[in-house]
Amino acid sequence: MFGRSIRHADGDVVAFGAVQVRLTVSRRARRISLRLDRTRGEVLAIAPSLRRLGEAAAFARQRHDWIAERLADLPSPRRLSPGQEINLFGDACRLGRVAGRASLEGPGWERGVRLPLTAGEDAFARAVVQLVRRAALPWFEERCRAHCATLGVPLPKLALADARTRWGSCTQAHRGRPASIRMSWRLALAPREVADYVAAHECAHLIEGNHGPRFWALVGMLIGDERPHRAWLRRHGNELYGFGP
C-alpha cells in the first residue's frame, strides 16, 4: 500500500531529487495515474480524490526514472519574439513589432494587433498567439466544412483549444446535444497536410466514435494515407508545445 502520512493539497508540487511533480485531483479519474502536460512542461500525478493525493505522490516517486525521461524529452521553450520566423500552415512568416503593434508578416500579406504602450515580452508573445488563433479558426472551419460535405454530415460547432494531451476532439450529437469539434491552435504551426489530417480525423469521428476499421476507412477517403501525418506528429509534435508566452 502507498503511504498516506503526509497531507497534500490539490496543486502541490513535490520534488524527488531533481524531478518535480504537480499533484492534481480529477473527479473523472478512476485510478492513480501520471500525465505529461506539454503546454506547461511538467508531469501531473493525478488522483481521483483529495484523500488519495498521498498515493499519487508515492506512485510518482516509484516512477521517478520514467518522469525524468519524459521531462528530458520536452523541447526547450521557444519564446515568441520580434524578428523570429515561424511557419503558419506551412508558410513562412516573420514576427514583427513596430509602433505598439505586433504582426505576422508573410510574402504579400500582414496581420497585426495593437499592443499596450507598456507591453513587455510576455504581452508580445500573447499577441502573436492571438494572431495565430485568428488565422487558425477560419482555416479549420474551411477544411472541416469540406470534409463534412464529403461525409454528408452538417458542419458542427468548431472551437480552438490549447489541449494538453490531444490535437483535437469530437463530441457526437446525442439526445438533443449538438455535435462539436475542438482543435489545438498549435496545429497552425504544423504543415498544412498534418493540420488537415487532424481536421479529417475529428470529422470522421462525427460518424464513427471509435478507431476501428470503418473509422480509418473514412479518414482514408478524406485525405488518403494518414500514416505520414501521424508519423510527423509523433516526431515533431512536442516541438509545437515549445511555442508560447
C-alpha atoms as a PDB file:
ATOM      1  CA  MET A   1       0.000   0.000   0.000  1.00  0.00           C
ATOM      2  CA  PHE A   2       1.038   3.578  -0.619  1.00  0.00           C
ATOM      3  CA  GLY A   3       1.783   5.752   2.397  1.00  0.00           C
ATOM      4  CA  ARG A   4      -0.587   8.499   3.497  1.00  0.00           C
ATOM      5  CA  SER A   5       1.315  10.058   6.390  1.00  0.00           C
ATOM      6  CA  ILE A   6       1.860  13.419   4.641  1.00  0.00           C
ATOM      7  CA  ARG A   7      -1.199  15.532   3.880  1.00  0.00           C
ATOM      8  CA  HIS A   8      -1.207  17.067   0.423  1.00  0.00           C
ATOM      9  CA  ALA A   9      -3.362  19.689  -1.277  1.00  0.00           C
ATOM     10  CA  ASP A  10      -4.574  19.843  -4.856  1.00  0.00           C
ATOM     11  CA  GLY A  11      -1.893  21.657  -6.874  1.00  0.00           C
ATOM     12  CA  ASP A  12       1.009  20.889  -4.523  1.00  0.00           C
ATOM     13  CA  VAL A  13       4.396  20.417  -6.186  1.00  0.00           C
ATOM     14  CA  VAL A  14       6.533  17.631  -4.758  1.00  0.00           C
ATOM     15  CA  ALA A  15      10.187  17.033  -5.567  1.00  0.00           C
ATOM     16  CA  PHE A  16      12.068  13.744  -5.811  1.00  0.00           C
ATOM     17  CA  GLY A  17      15.685  14.744  -6.313  1.00  0.00           C
ATOM     18  CA  ALA A  18      15.826  16.907  -9.448  1.00  0.00           C
ATOM     19  CA  VAL A  19      12.333  15.808 -10.559  1.00  0.00           C
ATOM     20  CA  GLN A  20       9.250  17.835  -9.683  1.00  0.00           C
ATOM     21  CA  VAL A  21       5.641  16.639  -9.999  1.00  0.00           C
ATOM     22  CA  ARG A  22       2.388  18.537  -9.527  1.00  0.00           C
ATOM     23  CA  LEU A  23      -0.335  16.722  -7.571  1.00  0.00           C
ATOM     24  CA  THR A  24      -3.783  17.065  -9.130  1.00  0.00           C
ATOM     25  CA  VAL A  25      -7.276  15.878  -8.215  1.00  0.00           C
ATOM     26  CA  SER A  26      -9.534  14.857 -11.106  1.00  0.00           C
ATOM     27  CA  ARG A  27     -13.073  13.728 -10.285  1.00  0.00           C
ATOM     28  CA  ARG A  28     -13.154  11.916 -13.625  1.00  0.00           C
ATOM     29  CA  ALA A  29     -10.120   9.795 -12.769  1.00  0.00           C
ATOM     30  CA  ARG A  30     -10.752   6.214 -11.681  1.00  0.00           C
ATOM     31  CA  ARG A  31      -7.230   5.410 -10.570  1.00  0.00           C
ATOM     32  CA  ILE A  32      -3.848   6.937  -9.767  1.00  0.00           C
ATOM     33  CA  SER A  33      -2.010   7.961 -12.939  1.00  0.00           C
ATOM     34  CA  LEU A  34       0.745  10.168 -14.358  1.00  0.00           C
ATOM     35  CA  ARG A  35       0.342  12.574 -17.273  1.00  0.00           C
ATOM     36  CA  LEU A  36       2.808  14.762 -19.128  1.00  0.00           C
ATOM     37  CA  ASP A  37       1.477  18.307 -19.533  1.00  0.00           C
ATOM     38  CA  ARG A  38       3.397  19.515 -22.567  1.00  0.00           C
ATOM     39  CA  THR A  39       1.949  23.027 -22.534  1.00  0.00           C
ATOM     40  CA  ARG A  40       3.318  23.671 -19.024  1.00  0.00           C
ATOM     41  CA  GLY A  41       6.347  21.431 -19.233  1.00  0.00           C
ATOM     42  CA  GLU A  42       5.510  19.390 -16.149  1.00  0.00           C
ATOM     43  CA  VAL A  43       4.271  15.970 -15.062  1.00  0.00           C
ATOM     44  CA  LEU A  44       0.957  15.646 -13.217  1.00  0.00           C
ATOM     45  CA  ALA A  45       0.316  12.936 -10.648  1.00  0.00           C
ATOM     46  CA  ILE A  46      -3.454  12.515 -10.799  1.00  0.00           C
ATOM     47  CA  ALA A  47      -5.678  11.180  -8.026  1.00  0.00           C
ATOM     48  CA  PRO A  48      -9.452  10.627  -8.119  1.00  0.00           C
ATOM     49  CA  SER A  49      -9.913  12.313  -4.715  1.00  0.00           C
ATOM     50  CA  LEU A  50      -8.131  14.603  -2.289  1.00  0.00           C
ATOM     51  CA  ARG A  51      -7.571  11.839   0.242  1.00  0.00           C
ATOM     52  CA  ARG A  52      -5.624   9.795  -2.340  1.00  0.00           C
ATOM     53  CA  LEU A  53      -3.082  12.502  -3.209  1.00  0.00           C
ATOM     54  CA  GLY A  54      -0.597  10.768  -0.903  1.00  0.00           C
ATOM     55  CA  GLU A  55      -0.904   7.645  -3.056  1.00  0.00           C
ATOM     56  CA  ALA A  56      -0.324   9.745  -6.177  1.00  0.00           C
ATOM     57  CA  ALA A  57       2.834  11.230  -4.660  1.00  0.00           C
ATOM     58  CA  ALA A  58       4.122   7.762  -3.708  1.00  0.00           C
ATOM     59  CA  PHE A  59       3.365   6.437  -7.197  1.00  0.00           C
ATOM     60  CA  ALA A  60       5.258   9.353  -8.745  1.00  0.00           C
ATOM     61  CA  ARG A  61       8.236   8.602  -6.526  1.00  0.00           C
ATOM     62  CA  GLN A  62       8.247   4.982  -7.756  1.00  0.00           C
ATOM     63  CA  ARG A  63       8.160   6.195 -11.392  1.00  0.00           C
ATOM     64  CA  HIS A  64      10.991   8.693 -10.908  1.00  0.00           C
ATOM     65  CA  ASP A  65      13.050   7.401 -13.852  1.00  0.00           C
ATOM     66  CA  TRP A  66      10.057   7.433 -16.235  1.00  0.00           C
ATOM     67  CA  ILE A  67       9.231  11.019 -15.227  1.00  0.00           C
ATOM     68  CA  ALA A  68      12.838  12.161 -15.686  1.00  0.00           C
ATOM     69  CA  GLU A  69      12.935  10.652 -19.173  1.00  0.00           C
ATOM     70  CA  ARG A  70       9.686  12.334 -20.235  1.00  0.00           C
ATOM     71  CA  LEU A  71      10.780  15.727 -18.945  1.00  0.00           C
ATOM     72  CA  ALA A  72      14.138  15.384 -20.688  1.00  0.00           C
ATOM     73  CA  ASP A  73      12.333  14.762 -23.989  1.00  0.00           C
ATOM     74  CA  LEU A  74      10.450  18.057 -23.789  1.00  0.00           C
ATOM     75  CA  PRO A  75      11.767  20.735 -26.160  1.00  0.00           C
ATOM     76  CA  SER A  76      13.261  23.921 -24.807  1.00  0.00           C
ATOM     77  CA  PRO A  77      10.693  26.738 -24.772  1.00  0.00           C
ATOM     78  CA  ARG A  78      10.782  28.952 -27.864  1.00  0.00           C
ATOM     79  CA  ARG A  79       9.741  32.401 -26.743  1.00  0.00           C
ATOM     80  CA  LEU A  80       7.895  34.277 -29.455  1.00  0.00           C
ATOM     81  CA  SER A  81       9.919  37.440 -30.037  1.00  0.00           C
ATOM     82  CA  PRO A  82      10.224  40.138 -32.727  1.00  0.00           C
ATOM     83  CA  GLY A  83      12.214  39.063 -35.761  1.00  0.00           C
ATOM     84  CA  GLN A  84      11.605  35.351 -35.197  1.00  0.00           C
ATOM     85  CA  GLU A  85      10.406  33.267 -38.136  1.00  0.00           C
ATOM     86  CA  ILE A  86       7.645  30.680 -37.752  1.00  0.00           C
ATOM     87  CA  ASN A  87       5.543  28.603 -40.129  1.00  0.00           C
ATOM     88  CA  LEU A  88       1.815  29.214 -40.380  1.00  0.00           C
ATOM     89  CA  PHE A  89       0.178  26.186 -42.011  1.00  0.00           C
ATOM     90  CA  GLY A  90       3.470  25.574 -43.796  1.00  0.00           C
ATOM     91  CA  ASP A  91       4.008  29.158 -44.978  1.00  0.00           C
ATOM     92  CA  ALA A  92       6.996  31.004 -43.545  1.00  0.00           C
ATOM     93  CA  CYS A  93       6.241  34.288 -41.807  1.00  0.00           C
ATOM     94  CA  ARG A  94       8.093  36.762 -39.619  1.00  0.00           C
ATOM     95  CA  LEU A  95       7.069  38.176 -36.255  1.00  0.00           C
ATOM     96  CA  GLY A  96       7.161  41.965 -36.318  1.00  0.00           C
ATOM     97  CA  ARG A  97       6.805  44.690 -33.737  1.00  0.00           C
ATOM     98  CA  VAL A  98       6.642  48.388 -34.577  1.00  0.00           C
ATOM     99  CA  ALA A  99       4.890  51.380 -33.016  1.00  0.00           C
ATOM    100  CA  GLY A 100       2.947  49.422 -30.410  1.00  0.00           C
ATOM    101  CA  ARG A 101       1.824  46.757 -32.855  1.00  0.00           C
ATOM    102  CA  ALA A 102       2.566  43.022 -33.135  1.00  0.00           C
ATOM    103  CA  SER A 103       2.301  41.430 -36.558  1.00  0.00           C
ATOM    104  CA  LEU A 104       2.635  38.273 -38.598  1.00  0.00           C
ATOM    105  CA  GLU A 105       4.309  39.114 -41.909  1.00  0.00           C
ATOM    106  CA  GLY A 106       4.367  36.801 -44.903  1.00  0.00           C
ATOM    107  CA  PRO A 107       5.172  37.372 -48.584  1.00  0.00           C
ATOM    108  CA  GLY A 108       2.488  39.791 -49.768  1.00  0.00           C
ATOM    109  CA  TRP A 109       0.396  39.767 -46.543  1.00  0.00           C
ATOM    110  CA  GLU A 110       0.423  41.021 -42.983  1.00  0.00           C
ATOM    111  CA  ARG A 111      -1.825  40.556 -39.946  1.00  0.00           C
ATOM    112  CA  GLY A 112      -1.461  42.734 -36.884  1.00  0.00           C
ATOM    113  CA  VAL A 113      -2.868  43.585 -33.482  1.00  0.00           C
ATOM    114  CA  ARG A 114      -2.320  46.584 -31.234  1.00  0.00           C
ATOM    115  CA  LEU A 115      -0.205  46.340 -28.104  1.00  0.00           C
ATOM    116  CA  PRO A 116      -0.379  48.394 -24.911  1.00  0.00           C
ATOM    117  CA  LEU A 117       2.289  51.102 -24.847  1.00  0.00           C
ATOM    118  CA  THR A 118       3.984  49.409 -21.885  1.00  0.00           C
ATOM    119  CA  ALA A 119       3.723  45.865 -23.296  1.00  0.00           C
ATOM    120  CA  GLY A 120       6.663  43.626 -22.500  1.00  0.00           C
ATOM    121  CA  GLU A 121       7.870  40.324 -23.949  1.00  0.00           C
ATOM    122  CA  ASP A 122       5.030  38.268 -22.473  1.00  0.00           C
ATOM    123  CA  ALA A 123       2.397  40.631 -23.877  1.00  0.00           C
ATOM    124  CA  PHE A 124       4.025  40.447 -27.313  1.00  0.00           C
ATOM    125  CA  ALA A 125       4.037  36.635 -27.202  1.00  0.00           C
ATOM    126  CA  ARG A 126       0.366  36.557 -26.158  1.00  0.00           C
ATOM    127  CA  ALA A 127      -0.487  38.899 -29.037  1.00  0.00           C
ATOM    128  CA  VAL A 128       1.258  36.585 -31.504  1.00  0.00           C
ATOM    129  CA  VAL A 129      -0.727  33.619 -30.171  1.00  0.00           C
ATOM    130  CA  GLN A 130      -3.885  35.686 -30.645  1.00  0.00           C
ATOM    131  CA  LEU A 131      -2.933  36.343 -34.278  1.00  0.00           C
ATOM    132  CA  VAL A 132      -2.176  32.669 -34.889  1.00  0.00           C
ATOM    133  CA  ARG A 133      -5.545  31.688 -33.413  1.00  0.00           C
ATOM    134  CA  ARG A 134      -7.309  34.268 -35.583  1.00  0.00           C
ATOM    135  CA  ALA A 135      -5.728  32.701 -38.647  1.00  0.00           C
ATOM    136  CA  ALA A 136      -6.340  29.128 -37.484  1.00  0.00           C
ATOM    137  CA  LEU A 137     -10.091  29.249 -36.847  1.00  0.00           C
ATOM    138  CA  PRO A 138     -11.256  30.144 -40.392  1.00  0.00           C
ATOM    139  CA  TRP A 139      -8.705  27.714 -41.852  1.00  0.00           C
ATOM    140  CA  PHE A 140     -10.071  24.827 -39.807  1.00  0.00           C
ATOM    141  CA  GLU A 141     -13.659  25.904 -40.490  1.00  0.00           C
ATOM    142  CA  GLU A 142     -12.994  25.715 -44.235  1.00  0.00           C
ATOM    143  CA  ARG A 143     -11.308  22.310 -44.030  1.00  0.00           C
ATOM    144  CA  CYS A 144     -13.946  20.832 -41.688  1.00  0.00           C
ATOM    145  CA  ARG A 145     -16.710  22.192 -43.902  1.00  0.00           C
ATOM    146  CA  ALA A 146     -15.159  20.420 -46.894  1.00  0.00           C
ATOM    147  CA  HIS A 147     -14.714  17.137 -45.020  1.00  0.00           C
ATOM    148  CA  CYS A 148     -18.241  17.246 -43.602  1.00  0.00           C
ATOM    149  CA  ALA A 149     -19.638  17.844 -47.084  1.00  0.00           C
ATOM    150  CA  THR A 150     -17.802  14.745 -48.317  1.00  0.00           C
ATOM    151  CA  LEU A 151     -19.145  12.727 -45.398  1.00  0.00           C
ATOM    152  CA  GLY A 152     -22.671  14.084 -45.870  1.00  0.00           C
ATOM    153  CA  VAL A 153     -22.949  15.457 -42.329  1.00  0.00           C
ATOM    154  CA  PRO A 154     -23.606  19.019 -41.085  1.00  0.00           C
ATOM    155  CA  LEU A 155     -20.672  21.151 -40.020  1.00  0.00           C
ATOM    156  CA  PRO A 156     -20.686  21.145 -36.184  1.00  0.00           C
ATOM    157  CA  LYS A 157     -19.701  23.952 -33.870  1.00  0.00           C
ATOM    158  CA  LEU A 158     -15.932  24.408 -34.082  1.00  0.00           C
ATOM    159  CA  ALA A 159     -13.646  25.897 -31.424  1.00  0.00           C
ATOM    160  CA  LEU A 160      -9.925  26.188 -30.763  1.00  0.00           C
ATOM    161  CA  ALA A 161      -8.245  24.951 -27.604  1.00  0.00           C
ATOM    162  CA  ASP A 162      -4.810  24.602 -26.058  1.00  0.00           C
ATOM    163  CA  ALA A 163      -5.275  20.938 -25.246  1.00  0.00           C
ATOM    164  CA  ARG A 164      -2.610  19.219 -23.166  1.00  0.00           C
ATOM    165  CA  THR A 165      -3.000  15.661 -24.434  1.00  0.00           C
ATOM    166  CA  ARG A 166      -4.939  15.788 -27.727  1.00  0.00           C
ATOM    167  CA  TRP A 167      -4.565  17.594 -31.024  1.00  0.00           C
ATOM    168  CA  GLY A 168      -8.317  17.528 -31.485  1.00  0.00           C
ATOM    169  CA  SER A 169     -11.512  16.152 -30.025  1.00  0.00           C
ATOM    170  CA  CYS A 170     -15.010  15.432 -31.304  1.00  0.00           C
ATOM    171  CA  THR A 171     -18.283  15.194 -29.422  1.00  0.00           C
ATOM    172  CA  GLN A 172     -21.004  13.439 -31.380  1.00  0.00           C
ATOM    173  CA  ALA A 173     -24.582  14.677 -31.351  1.00  0.00           C
ATOM    174  CA  HIS A 174     -26.541  12.851 -28.656  1.00  0.00           C
ATOM    175  CA  ARG A 175     -30.061  13.251 -27.262  1.00  0.00           C
ATOM    176  CA  GLY A 176     -30.514  16.795 -28.426  1.00  0.00           C
ATOM    177  CA  ARG A 177     -26.935  17.835 -27.663  1.00  0.00           C
ATOM    178  CA  PRO A 178     -25.295  19.232 -30.818  1.00  0.00           C
ATOM    179  CA  ALA A 179     -22.049  17.845 -32.153  1.00  0.00           C
ATOM    180  CA  SER A 180     -18.858  19.836 -31.691  1.00  0.00           C
ATOM    181  CA  ILE A 181     -15.192  19.710 -32.658  1.00  0.00           C
ATOM    182  CA  ARG A 182     -12.236  21.268 -30.861  1.00  0.00           C
ATOM    183  CA  MET A 183      -8.835  21.723 -32.499  1.00  0.00           C
ATOM    184  CA  SER A 184      -5.497  22.698 -30.988  1.00  0.00           C
ATOM    185  CA  TRP A 185      -4.444  26.134 -32.240  1.00  0.00           C
ATOM    186  CA  ARG A 186      -0.851  24.850 -32.233  1.00  0.00           C
ATOM    187  CA  LEU A 187      -1.622  22.789 -35.329  1.00  0.00           C
ATOM    188  CA  ALA A 188      -1.424  26.076 -37.250  1.00  0.00           C
ATOM    189  CA  LEU A 189       2.343  25.780 -36.713  1.00  0.00           C
ATOM    190  CA  ALA A 190       2.434  22.341 -38.400  1.00  0.00           C
ATOM    191  CA  PRO A 191       2.468  21.623 -42.149  1.00  0.00           C
ATOM    192  CA  ARG A 192      -0.991  22.143 -43.661  1.00  0.00           C
ATOM    193  CA  GLU A 193      -1.255  18.463 -44.629  1.00  0.00           C
ATOM    194  CA  VAL A 194      -0.740  17.458 -40.999  1.00  0.00           C
ATOM    195  CA  ALA A 195      -3.278  20.001 -39.725  1.00  0.00           C
ATOM    196  CA  ASP A 196      -5.743  18.834 -42.369  1.00  0.00           C
ATOM    197  CA  TYR A 197      -5.282  15.222 -41.286  1.00  0.00           C
ATOM    198  CA  VAL A 198      -6.336  16.104 -37.728  1.00  0.00           C
ATOM    199  CA  ALA A 199      -9.344  18.012 -39.076  1.00  0.00           C
ATOM    200  CA  ALA A 200     -10.345  14.978 -41.168  1.00  0.00           C
ATOM    201  CA  HIS A 201      -9.738  12.685 -38.181  1.00  0.00           C
ATOM    202  CA  GLU A 202     -12.164  14.623 -35.986  1.00  0.00           C
ATOM    203  CA  CYS A 203     -14.771  14.937 -38.749  1.00  0.00           C
ATOM    204  CA  ALA A 204     -14.671  11.167 -39.245  1.00  0.00           C
ATOM    205  CA  HIS A 205     -15.489  10.819 -35.543  1.00  0.00           C
ATOM    206  CA  LEU A 206     -18.828  12.512 -36.239  1.00  0.00           C
ATOM    207  CA  ILE A 207     -19.821   9.174 -37.827  1.00  0.00           C
ATOM    208  CA  GLU A 208     -17.547   6.643 -36.110  1.00  0.00           C
ATOM    209  CA  GLY A 209     -16.779   7.267 -32.442  1.00  0.00           C
ATOM    210  CA  ASN A 210     -14.018   4.651 -32.224  1.00  0.00           C
ATOM    211  CA  HIS A 211     -10.770   3.933 -34.077  1.00  0.00           C
ATOM    212  CA  GLY A 212     -11.941   0.773 -35.801  1.00  0.00           C
ATOM    213  CA  PRO A 213     -11.525  -0.184 -39.483  1.00  0.00           C
ATOM    214  CA  ARG A 214     -14.595   1.800 -40.572  1.00  0.00           C
ATOM    215  CA  PHE A 215     -13.217   4.930 -38.931  1.00  0.00           C
ATOM    216  CA  TRP A 216      -9.852   4.667 -40.683  1.00  0.00           C
ATOM    217  CA  ALA A 217     -11.633   3.942 -43.964  1.00  0.00           C
ATOM    218  CA  LEU A 218     -13.429   7.283 -43.603  1.00  0.00           C
ATOM    219  CA  VAL A 219     -10.159   9.084 -42.863  1.00  0.00           C
ATOM    220  CA  GLY A 220      -8.590   7.463 -45.920  1.00  0.00           C
ATOM    221  CA  MET A 221     -11.487   8.580 -48.063  1.00  0.00           C
ATOM    222  CA  LEU A 222     -10.967  12.159 -46.895  1.00  0.00           C
ATOM    223  CA  ILE A 223      -7.193  12.560 -47.073  1.00  0.00           C
ATOM    224  CA  GLY A 224      -5.640   9.335 -48.356  1.00  0.00           C
ATOM    225  CA  ASP A 225      -2.821   7.653 -46.425  1.00  0.00           C
ATOM    226  CA  GLU A 226      -2.768   9.191 -42.968  1.00  0.00           C
ATOM    227  CA  ARG A 227       0.362   7.408 -41.768  1.00  0.00           C
ATOM    228  CA  PRO A 228       2.917  10.084 -42.813  1.00  0.00           C
ATOM    229  CA  HIS A 229       0.949  12.739 -40.931  1.00  0.00           C
ATOM    230  CA  ARG A 230       0.660  10.626 -37.800  1.00  0.00           C
ATOM    231  CA  ALA A 231       4.405   9.964 -38.015  1.00  0.00           C
ATOM    232  CA  TRP A 232       5.100  13.709 -38.283  1.00  0.00           C
ATOM    233  CA  LEU A 233       3.132  14.384 -35.117  1.00  0.00           C
ATOM    234  CA  ARG A 234       4.996  11.622 -33.274  1.00  0.00           C
ATOM    235  CA  ARG A 235       8.365  13.058 -34.345  1.00  0.00           C
ATOM    236  CA  HIS A 236       7.695  16.786 -34.125  1.00  0.00           C
ATOM    237  CA  GLY A 237       4.530  17.247 -32.083  1.00  0.00           C
ATOM    238  CA  ASN A 238       6.439  18.059 -28.892  1.00  0.00           C
ATOM    239  CA  GLU A 239       8.151  20.944 -30.670  1.00  0.00           C
ATOM    240  CA  LEU A 240       4.822  22.711 -31.136  1.00  0.00           C
ATOM    241  CA  TYR A 241       4.342  22.844 -27.368  1.00  0.00           C
ATOM    242  CA  GLY A 242       7.538  24.871 -27.060  1.00  0.00           C
ATOM    243  CA  PHE A 243       5.873  27.924 -28.624  1.00  0.00           C
ATOM    244  CA  GLY A 244       4.110  30.435 -26.472  1.00  0.00           C
ATOM    245  CA  PRO A 245       4.405  33.178 -23.853  1.00  0.00           C
END
